Protein backbone atom coordinates (compact mmCIF):
# COMPACT_ATOMS: atom_id res chain seq x y z
CA MET A 1 7.58 -12.01 -5.28
CA LYS A 2 4.45 -14.92 -5.53
CA SER A 3 6.45 -17.12 -2.82
CA ALA A 4 7.13 -13.82 -0.34
CA HIS A 5 3.52 -13.62 -0.43
CA ARG A 6 2.37 -17.23 -0.21
CA TYR A 7 4.67 -16.87 3.16
CA ALA A 8 2.62 -13.88 4.01
CA VAL A 9 -0.33 -15.34 3.57
CA CYS A 10 0.33 -18.18 5.51
CA GLY A 11 1.67 -16.33 8.19
CA ALA A 12 -1.85 -15.07 8.28
CA VAL A 13 -3.63 -18.24 8.69
CA VAL A 14 -1.20 -20.20 11.29
CA LEU A 15 -1.44 -16.92 12.88
CA ALA A 16 -5.96 -16.93 13.08
CA ILE A 17 -5.36 -20.26 14.20
CA VAL A 18 -2.73 -20.00 16.90
CA CYS A 19 -5.12 -16.44 18.41
CA ASN A 20 -8.00 -18.05 17.69
CA ALA A 21 -7.16 -21.61 19.35
CA TRP A 22 -5.47 -18.67 21.86
CA ALA A 23 -9.82 -17.43 22.32
CA ALA A 24 -10.98 -20.45 23.02
CA GLU A 25 -8.57 -21.56 26.59
CA PRO A 26 -10.93 -20.74 29.50
CA LYS A 27 -9.94 -17.80 31.66
CA SER A 28 -7.97 -18.51 34.18
CA ALA A 29 -7.54 -16.55 38.25
CA PRO A 30 -4.84 -13.98 38.15
CA SER A 31 -1.38 -15.48 38.74
CA SER A 32 -1.22 -13.96 42.29
CA VAL A 33 -4.40 -15.99 43.41
CA VAL A 34 -2.96 -19.07 43.84
CA SER A 35 -5.39 -22.14 43.59
CA PRO A 36 -4.91 -25.54 45.43
CA PRO A 37 -3.71 -28.65 43.38
CA SER A 38 -6.02 -30.65 41.99
CA SER A 39 -6.63 -34.64 41.78
CA VAL A 40 -8.34 -34.40 38.60
CA PRO A 41 -6.07 -33.68 35.31
CA GLN A 42 -6.35 -30.90 33.50
CA PRO A 43 -7.77 -30.96 29.53
CA ALA A 44 -5.46 -30.78 26.64
CA PRO A 45 -5.13 -27.27 25.56
CA VAL A 46 -7.84 -26.78 22.63
CA MET A 47 -5.37 -25.96 20.13
CA PHE A 48 -3.55 -29.67 20.48
CA ALA A 49 -6.77 -31.65 20.54
CA PRO A 50 -9.24 -33.71 17.95
CA MET A 51 -10.46 -30.91 15.65
CA ALA A 52 -14.37 -30.55 16.20
CA GLY A 53 -16.49 -33.18 13.74
CA GLY A 54 -13.43 -36.08 14.34
CA PRO A 55 -13.17 -39.09 15.63
CA VAL A 56 -13.96 -37.87 18.95
CA ASN A 57 -17.52 -36.67 18.44
CA ASN A 58 -19.75 -35.20 15.27
CA GLY A 59 -21.03 -32.25 17.97
CA GLY A 60 -18.21 -29.75 17.13
CA THR A 61 -16.12 -30.60 20.95
CA ASN A 62 -12.68 -31.41 21.06
CA ALA A 63 -11.88 -34.71 23.32
CA ALA A 64 -11.41 -31.86 25.81
CA GLY A 65 -15.69 -30.77 25.95
CA ARG A 66 -14.54 -27.67 24.64
CA THR A 67 -15.47 -26.18 21.35
CA ALA A 68 -13.16 -27.06 18.29
CA PRO A 69 -11.01 -23.43 16.79
CA PHE A 70 -10.57 -24.83 13.33
CA SER A 71 -13.02 -26.86 11.31
CA ALA A 72 -12.76 -28.52 7.87
CA GLU A 73 -15.60 -26.19 6.71
CA ILE A 74 -14.58 -23.08 8.37
CA GLY A 75 -10.53 -23.19 7.66
CA ALA A 76 -11.60 -23.21 3.46
CA ASP A 77 -14.03 -20.66 3.55
CA PHE A 78 -10.84 -18.43 6.12
CA ILE A 79 -8.56 -19.44 3.51
CA LYS A 80 -10.49 -19.05 0.25
CA LYS A 81 -11.50 -14.92 2.04
CA VAL A 82 -7.32 -14.53 2.74
CA MET A 83 -6.81 -15.72 -0.18
CA GLU A 84 -9.51 -12.62 -2.58
CA THR A 85 -8.76 -10.16 -0.13
CA SER A 86 -4.55 -10.98 -0.92
CA ALA A 87 -6.05 -10.68 -4.60
CA LYS A 88 -7.95 -6.94 -4.09
CA ILE A 89 -5.14 -5.61 -2.00
CA ASP A 90 -2.27 -6.39 -4.68
CA GLU A 91 -4.62 -5.47 -7.12
CA ALA A 92 -5.10 -1.70 -4.98
CA LYS A 93 -1.12 -2.04 -4.74
CA ARG A 94 -0.87 -2.30 -8.78
CA GLN A 95 -3.17 0.38 -9.36
CA ILE A 96 -1.66 2.57 -6.28
CA ALA A 97 2.37 2.19 -8.45
CA GLU A 98 0.48 2.28 -11.84
CA ARG A 99 -1.05 6.35 -10.79
CA GLN A 100 2.22 7.58 -8.89
CA ALA A 101 4.27 6.63 -11.89
CA GLN A 102 1.52 9.24 -13.55
CA LEU A 103 1.83 11.65 -11.81
CA TYR A 104 5.39 11.97 -11.72
CA ALA A 105 5.73 11.28 -15.75
CA SER A 106 3.26 14.35 -16.32
CA ASN A 107 3.13 16.74 -13.29
CA SER A 108 6.05 19.38 -13.58
CA GLU A 109 6.09 20.49 -9.36
CA ILE A 110 6.50 16.78 -8.96
CA LYS A 111 9.35 16.83 -11.62
CA SER A 112 11.01 20.49 -10.21
CA ILE A 113 10.43 18.98 -6.83
CA ARG A 114 11.89 14.98 -7.04
CA ALA A 115 15.09 16.94 -9.25
CA GLN A 116 15.75 19.22 -5.92
CA MET A 117 15.17 16.34 -3.66
CA ILE A 118 17.78 14.28 -4.96
CA GLU A 119 19.51 16.91 -5.37
CA ALA A 120 19.58 17.17 -1.27
CA GLN A 121 20.34 13.40 -0.69
CA LYS A 122 23.32 14.41 -2.93
CA GLU A 123 24.62 16.44 -0.79
CA ILE A 124 23.01 14.05 2.57
CA ASN A 125 25.49 11.20 0.92
CA ARG A 126 28.05 13.64 1.21
CA ILE A 127 28.19 14.77 4.40
CA LEU A 128 27.56 10.99 6.16
CA ASP A 129 30.40 9.60 4.09
CA ALA A 130 32.72 11.91 5.21
CA ASP A 131 31.78 10.54 9.40
CA PRO A 132 34.70 8.56 10.17
CA GLU A 133 32.43 6.60 12.87
CA LEU A 134 30.05 5.66 10.34
CA ALA A 135 32.84 4.25 8.47
CA GLU A 136 34.32 2.02 10.54
CA LEU A 137 30.43 0.55 11.49
CA LYS A 138 29.33 0.11 8.02
CA MET A 139 33.07 -2.02 7.88
CA SER A 140 31.90 -3.47 11.01
CA ARG A 141 27.95 -4.33 9.59
CA ASP A 142 30.07 -5.40 6.08
CA ILE A 143 32.75 -7.74 7.97
CA VAL A 144 30.24 -9.92 9.70
CA TRP A 145 27.71 -10.32 6.45
CA SER A 146 30.82 -11.01 4.97
CA THR A 147 31.15 -14.46 7.46
CA MET A 148 26.94 -14.94 7.08
CA PRO A 149 26.65 -18.45 5.84
CA ALA A 150 24.74 -18.85 2.55
CA LEU A 151 22.44 -21.56 0.33
CA PRO A 152 24.14 -23.51 -1.99
CA LYS A 153 22.05 -21.85 -5.60
CA GLY A 154 19.38 -23.71 -6.42
CA GLN A 155 18.60 -25.37 -2.88
CA ASN A 156 15.44 -25.13 -1.36
CA PRO A 157 15.28 -24.92 2.55
CA ALA A 158 12.80 -26.88 2.90
CA SER A 159 14.88 -30.27 1.20
CA LEU A 160 17.27 -29.21 3.83
CA PRO A 161 17.96 -32.04 6.10
CA ARG A 162 16.26 -31.13 9.65
CA MET A 163 17.60 -31.01 12.25
CA PRO A 164 17.37 -34.24 14.71
CA GLY A 165 15.24 -33.78 17.89
CA PRO A 166 11.56 -34.48 18.78
CA ARG A 167 8.94 -35.16 16.38
């Protein structure tokens, strides 16, 4: 669960960086308006240009003369806020789960409705199991699933060799 949480946090950080870079892009004319080609080379996209405070200058702009999308100071603060918020969300989820478990255990109305719900779900499952088309679809899915290659046990996907290509 913790590794899934880390992937989610890293994904959120990367998404924020990319969105910030896209937001920094200058607005161009609509695609229906064709501008004449210019002989002046276009600046590099902001997200691939040097960061603020880097070797280009210390004024917060990159080589293209645009404001850099993400500095080290802002990045560290952003990641700290993301981690703090994630911890608060995890704590809230834990408290919600504990309260729900307490209500399931102590509330007689929930207990009786839950028993009815379990019986109703058994009836639904019986009807679903009787359908031959659904059974055939599940069988096809299981056959395809059985052909899915799997990583060897104990293998970390990051340690696998990478495909050759441009770097």
